[in-house]
N, C-alpha and C. Protein backbone atom coordinates (compact mmCIF):
# COMPACT_ATOMS: atom_id res chain seq x y z
N MET A 1 311.41 155.01 108.49
CA MET A 1 311.07 153.69 108.92
C MET A 1 309.70 153.31 108.34
N GLU A 2 309.60 152.10 107.76
CA GLU A 2 308.36 151.62 107.16
C GLU A 2 307.57 150.80 108.14
N ASN A 3 306.26 150.84 107.98
CA ASN A 3 305.37 150.04 108.81
C ASN A 3 304.75 148.99 107.91
N ASN A 4 305.19 147.74 108.02
CA ASN A 4 304.71 146.64 107.18
C ASN A 4 303.71 145.77 107.93
N GLU A 5 302.73 146.39 108.52
CA GLU A 5 301.72 145.66 109.28
C GLU A 5 300.62 145.14 108.37
N ILE A 6 300.16 143.95 108.64
CA ILE A 6 299.01 143.41 107.92
C ILE A 6 297.77 143.72 108.76
N VAL A 7 296.82 144.36 108.11
CA VAL A 7 295.59 144.74 108.81
C VAL A 7 294.43 144.01 108.15
N SER A 8 293.62 143.35 108.97
CA SER A 8 292.44 142.69 108.40
C SER A 8 291.28 143.67 108.48
N VAL A 9 290.53 143.73 107.40
CA VAL A 9 289.36 144.60 107.34
C VAL A 9 288.13 143.70 107.36
N LEU A 10 287.31 143.90 108.34
CA LEU A 10 286.13 143.06 108.52
C LEU A 10 284.91 143.76 107.91
N THR A 11 284.43 143.21 106.80
CA THR A 11 283.29 143.79 106.10
C THR A 11 282.24 142.71 105.85
N CYS A 12 281.05 143.16 105.51
CA CYS A 12 279.96 142.23 105.19
C CYS A 12 279.12 142.85 104.09
N ASP A 13 278.70 142.03 103.16
CA ASP A 13 277.91 142.51 102.03
C ASP A 13 276.53 143.04 102.44
N CYS A 14 276.06 142.65 103.62
CA CYS A 14 274.74 143.12 104.03
C CYS A 14 274.80 144.57 104.54
N ASN A 15 275.99 145.07 104.74
CA ASN A 15 276.17 146.45 105.18
C ASN A 15 277.37 147.04 104.44
N PRO A 16 277.22 147.29 103.13
CA PRO A 16 278.35 147.72 102.32
C PRO A 16 278.99 149.03 102.82
N GLY A 17 280.31 149.05 102.75
CA GLY A 17 281.03 150.25 103.14
C GLY A 17 281.31 150.37 104.63
N PHE A 18 280.79 149.45 105.41
CA PHE A 18 281.00 149.50 106.86
C PHE A 18 282.08 148.49 107.23
N ASN A 19 282.99 148.90 108.10
CA ASN A 19 284.05 148.01 108.59
C ASN A 19 283.87 147.82 110.10
N TRP A 20 283.86 146.58 110.53
CA TRP A 20 283.76 146.30 111.95
C TRP A 20 285.12 146.51 112.60
N LYS A 21 285.09 146.96 113.85
CA LYS A 21 286.33 147.33 114.54
C LYS A 21 287.17 146.14 114.94
N ASN A 22 286.52 145.06 115.31
CA ASN A 22 287.28 143.87 115.73
C ASN A 22 286.47 142.61 115.45
N LYS A 23 287.12 141.50 115.66
CA LYS A 23 286.52 140.19 115.38
C LYS A 23 285.25 139.95 116.21
N ASN A 24 285.25 140.43 117.46
CA ASN A 24 284.09 140.21 118.33
C ASN A 24 282.84 140.92 117.81
N THR A 25 282.99 142.19 117.40
CA THR A 25 281.83 142.92 116.89
C THR A 25 281.38 142.33 115.55
N TYR A 26 282.34 141.86 114.77
CA TYR A 26 282.01 141.23 113.48
C TYR A 26 281.24 139.93 113.72
N ASN A 27 281.71 139.12 114.64
CA ASN A 27 281.03 137.85 114.95
C ASN A 27 279.63 138.11 115.51
N ALA A 28 279.49 139.15 116.32
CA ALA A 28 278.17 139.50 116.86
C ALA A 28 277.25 139.91 115.71
N HIS A 29 277.79 140.66 114.76
CA HIS A 29 276.99 141.05 113.59
C HIS A 29 276.51 139.82 112.83
N LYS A 30 277.39 138.84 112.65
CA LYS A 30 277.03 137.61 111.91
C LYS A 30 275.84 136.90 112.54
N LYS A 31 275.67 137.08 113.85
CA LYS A 31 274.56 136.43 114.56
C LYS A 31 273.30 137.31 114.57
N SER A 32 273.42 138.54 114.08
CA SER A 32 272.30 139.48 114.16
C SER A 32 271.17 139.11 113.21
N LEU A 33 269.98 139.61 113.51
CA LEU A 33 268.81 139.38 112.69
C LEU A 33 269.00 139.99 111.30
N ARG A 34 269.62 141.17 111.26
CA ARG A 34 269.86 141.84 109.97
C ARG A 34 270.69 140.94 109.05
N HIS A 35 271.78 140.39 109.58
CA HIS A 35 272.65 139.56 108.75
C HIS A 35 271.96 138.25 108.35
N LYS A 36 271.27 137.64 109.30
CA LYS A 36 270.58 136.38 108.99
C LYS A 36 269.52 136.61 107.92
N SER A 37 268.80 137.72 108.01
CA SER A 37 267.80 138.06 107.01
C SER A 37 268.45 138.25 105.65
N TYR A 38 269.59 138.93 105.64
CA TYR A 38 270.34 139.14 104.39
C TYR A 38 270.74 137.80 103.77
N GLU A 39 271.25 136.89 104.60
CA GLU A 39 271.68 135.58 104.08
C GLU A 39 270.51 134.79 103.53
N ILE A 40 269.37 134.83 104.21
CA ILE A 40 268.17 134.12 103.74
C ILE A 40 267.74 134.68 102.39
N ASN A 41 267.70 136.01 102.28
CA ASN A 41 267.30 136.64 101.01
C ASN A 41 268.28 136.30 99.89
N LYS A 42 269.56 136.27 100.22
CA LYS A 42 270.59 135.93 99.23
C LYS A 42 270.40 134.49 98.74
N GLU A 43 270.15 133.58 99.68
CA GLU A 43 269.91 132.18 99.31
C GLU A 43 268.67 132.04 98.44
N GLU A 44 267.60 132.77 98.79
CA GLU A 44 266.37 132.72 98.00
C GLU A 44 266.61 133.20 96.58
N ARG A 45 267.38 134.29 96.43
CA ARG A 45 267.70 134.78 95.09
C ARG A 45 268.48 133.73 94.29
N GLU A 46 269.45 133.09 94.96
CA GLU A 46 270.24 132.06 94.29
C GLU A 46 269.36 130.87 93.89
N TYR A 47 268.44 130.48 94.77
CA TYR A 47 267.52 129.37 94.45
C TYR A 47 266.65 129.73 93.25
N LYS A 48 266.14 130.96 93.23
CA LYS A 48 265.29 131.39 92.11
C LYS A 48 266.07 131.38 90.80
N ILE A 49 267.32 131.83 90.86
CA ILE A 49 268.17 131.81 89.66
C ILE A 49 268.37 130.37 89.20
N ASN A 50 268.67 129.48 90.14
CA ASN A 50 268.87 128.07 89.78
C ASN A 50 267.60 127.43 89.24
N ILE A 51 266.47 127.77 89.84
CA ILE A 51 265.19 127.23 89.36
C ILE A 51 264.95 127.69 87.93
N ASN A 52 265.22 128.97 87.66
CA ASN A 52 265.03 129.49 86.30
C ASN A 52 265.96 128.79 85.31
N LYS A 53 267.21 128.56 85.70
CA LYS A 53 268.15 127.86 84.82
C LYS A 53 267.67 126.44 84.53
N ILE A 54 267.19 125.77 85.56
CA ILE A 54 266.68 124.40 85.39
C ILE A 54 265.44 124.40 84.50
N GLN A 55 264.56 125.39 84.70
CA GLN A 55 263.34 125.50 83.89
C GLN A 55 263.70 125.72 82.42
N ILE A 56 264.67 126.58 82.16
CA ILE A 56 265.11 126.83 80.79
C ILE A 56 265.68 125.55 80.18
N GLU A 57 266.51 124.84 80.92
CA GLU A 57 267.09 123.59 80.42
C GLU A 57 265.99 122.56 80.17
N TYR A 58 265.02 122.47 81.07
CA TYR A 58 263.89 121.56 80.91
C TYR A 58 263.13 121.86 79.63
N ASN A 59 262.86 123.15 79.40
CA ASN A 59 262.13 123.55 78.19
C ASN A 59 262.91 123.22 76.93
N LYS A 60 264.22 123.42 76.97
CA LYS A 60 265.06 123.07 75.82
C LYS A 60 264.99 121.57 75.54
N LEU A 61 265.09 120.77 76.60
CA LEU A 61 265.04 119.31 76.43
C LEU A 61 263.66 118.85 75.95
N LYS A 62 262.63 119.49 76.46
CA LYS A 62 261.27 119.16 76.04
C LYS A 62 261.09 119.44 74.54
N LEU A 63 261.59 120.59 74.09
CA LEU A 63 261.51 120.95 72.67
C LEU A 63 262.32 119.97 71.83
N GLU A 64 263.53 119.66 72.29
CA GLU A 64 264.37 118.70 71.56
C GLU A 64 263.68 117.34 71.48
N ASN A 65 263.05 116.93 72.56
CA ASN A 65 262.34 115.65 72.58
C ASN A 65 261.20 115.65 71.56
N MET A 66 260.46 116.76 71.50
CA MET A 66 259.36 116.86 70.53
C MET A 66 259.89 116.79 69.10
N GLN A 67 261.01 117.46 68.86
CA GLN A 67 261.59 117.46 67.52
C GLN A 67 262.08 116.06 67.14
N LEU A 68 262.69 115.38 68.10
CA LEU A 68 263.16 114.01 67.83
C LEU A 68 262.00 113.06 67.60
N ARG A 69 260.92 113.21 68.35
CA ARG A 69 259.73 112.37 68.14
C ARG A 69 259.16 112.58 66.75
N GLU A 70 259.08 113.86 66.36
CA GLU A 70 258.55 114.18 65.04
C GLU A 70 259.44 113.60 63.94
N LEU A 71 260.74 113.73 64.14
CA LEU A 71 261.69 113.17 63.18
C LEU A 71 261.53 111.64 63.09
N TYR A 72 261.39 111.01 64.24
CA TYR A 72 261.21 109.56 64.29
C TYR A 72 259.92 109.15 63.59
N LEU A 73 258.83 109.84 63.87
CA LEU A 73 257.54 109.50 63.25
C LEU A 73 257.58 109.71 61.75
N ASN A 74 258.20 110.81 61.32
CA ASN A 74 258.32 111.05 59.88
C ASN A 74 259.18 109.99 59.22
N SER A 75 260.22 109.58 59.91
CA SER A 75 261.11 108.53 59.40
C SER A 75 260.36 107.20 59.29
N ALA A 76 259.55 106.88 60.30
CA ALA A 76 258.77 105.64 60.29
C ALA A 76 257.76 105.66 59.15
N LYS A 77 257.11 106.80 58.92
CA LYS A 77 256.15 106.91 57.82
C LYS A 77 256.86 106.72 56.47
N GLU A 78 258.04 107.33 56.38
CA GLU A 78 258.82 107.19 55.15
C GLU A 78 259.19 105.74 54.90
N ASN A 79 259.58 105.06 55.95
CA ASN A 79 259.93 103.63 55.82
C ASN A 79 258.73 102.81 55.38
N MET A 80 257.55 103.11 55.94
CA MET A 80 256.34 102.38 55.55
C MET A 80 256.03 102.62 54.08
N ASN A 81 256.17 103.86 53.63
CA ASN A 81 255.91 104.18 52.22
C ASN A 81 256.90 103.45 51.30
N LEU A 82 258.15 103.40 51.72
CA LEU A 82 259.16 102.70 50.92
C LEU A 82 258.86 101.20 50.84
N LYS A 83 258.42 100.62 51.96
CA LYS A 83 258.08 99.20 51.97
C LYS A 83 256.89 98.93 51.04
N LYS A 84 255.90 99.82 51.06
CA LYS A 84 254.74 99.65 50.19
C LYS A 84 255.17 99.71 48.72
N LYS A 85 256.04 100.66 48.41
CA LYS A 85 256.54 100.78 47.04
C LYS A 85 257.31 99.53 46.64
N LEU A 86 258.11 99.01 47.53
CA LEU A 86 258.88 97.81 47.27
C LEU A 86 257.93 96.62 47.02
N ASN A 87 256.89 96.52 47.82
CA ASN A 87 255.92 95.44 47.65
C ASN A 87 255.20 95.54 46.30
N LEU A 88 254.94 96.76 45.87
CA LEU A 88 254.29 96.96 44.59
C LEU A 88 255.20 96.53 43.44
N ILE A 89 256.47 96.77 43.60
CA ILE A 89 257.44 96.41 42.54
C ILE A 89 257.59 94.90 42.45
N ASN A 90 257.61 94.26 43.61
CA ASN A 90 257.79 92.80 43.64
C ASN A 90 256.55 92.11 43.32
C-alpha cells in the first residue's frame, strides 16, 4: 500500500536547515526578533545592490553625456570653420 500524502515543510532562510513542526510555531518564528532582524538585513542588502546599480547607470549616462557634448562642440567648431572657408571663397 502506498502513502500519497502531501507534506508541507516549513523553512525559513534566516535559519537554514531547520524545519518548523507546524504552522503555529512557524508563524511565531516570523514574528520573532531574529526573523525581523534577518528581513531588515536582507532588505538593506537589496537596497545597497540597487543603489550600486543605479550609481553605475548614472555614471554611464554621465560619461555618455560628456562624450555627446564633446562631439557636439567639435561639430559646432567644424561648422564654424567650414562657414569661414565658404566666406573666404565667396
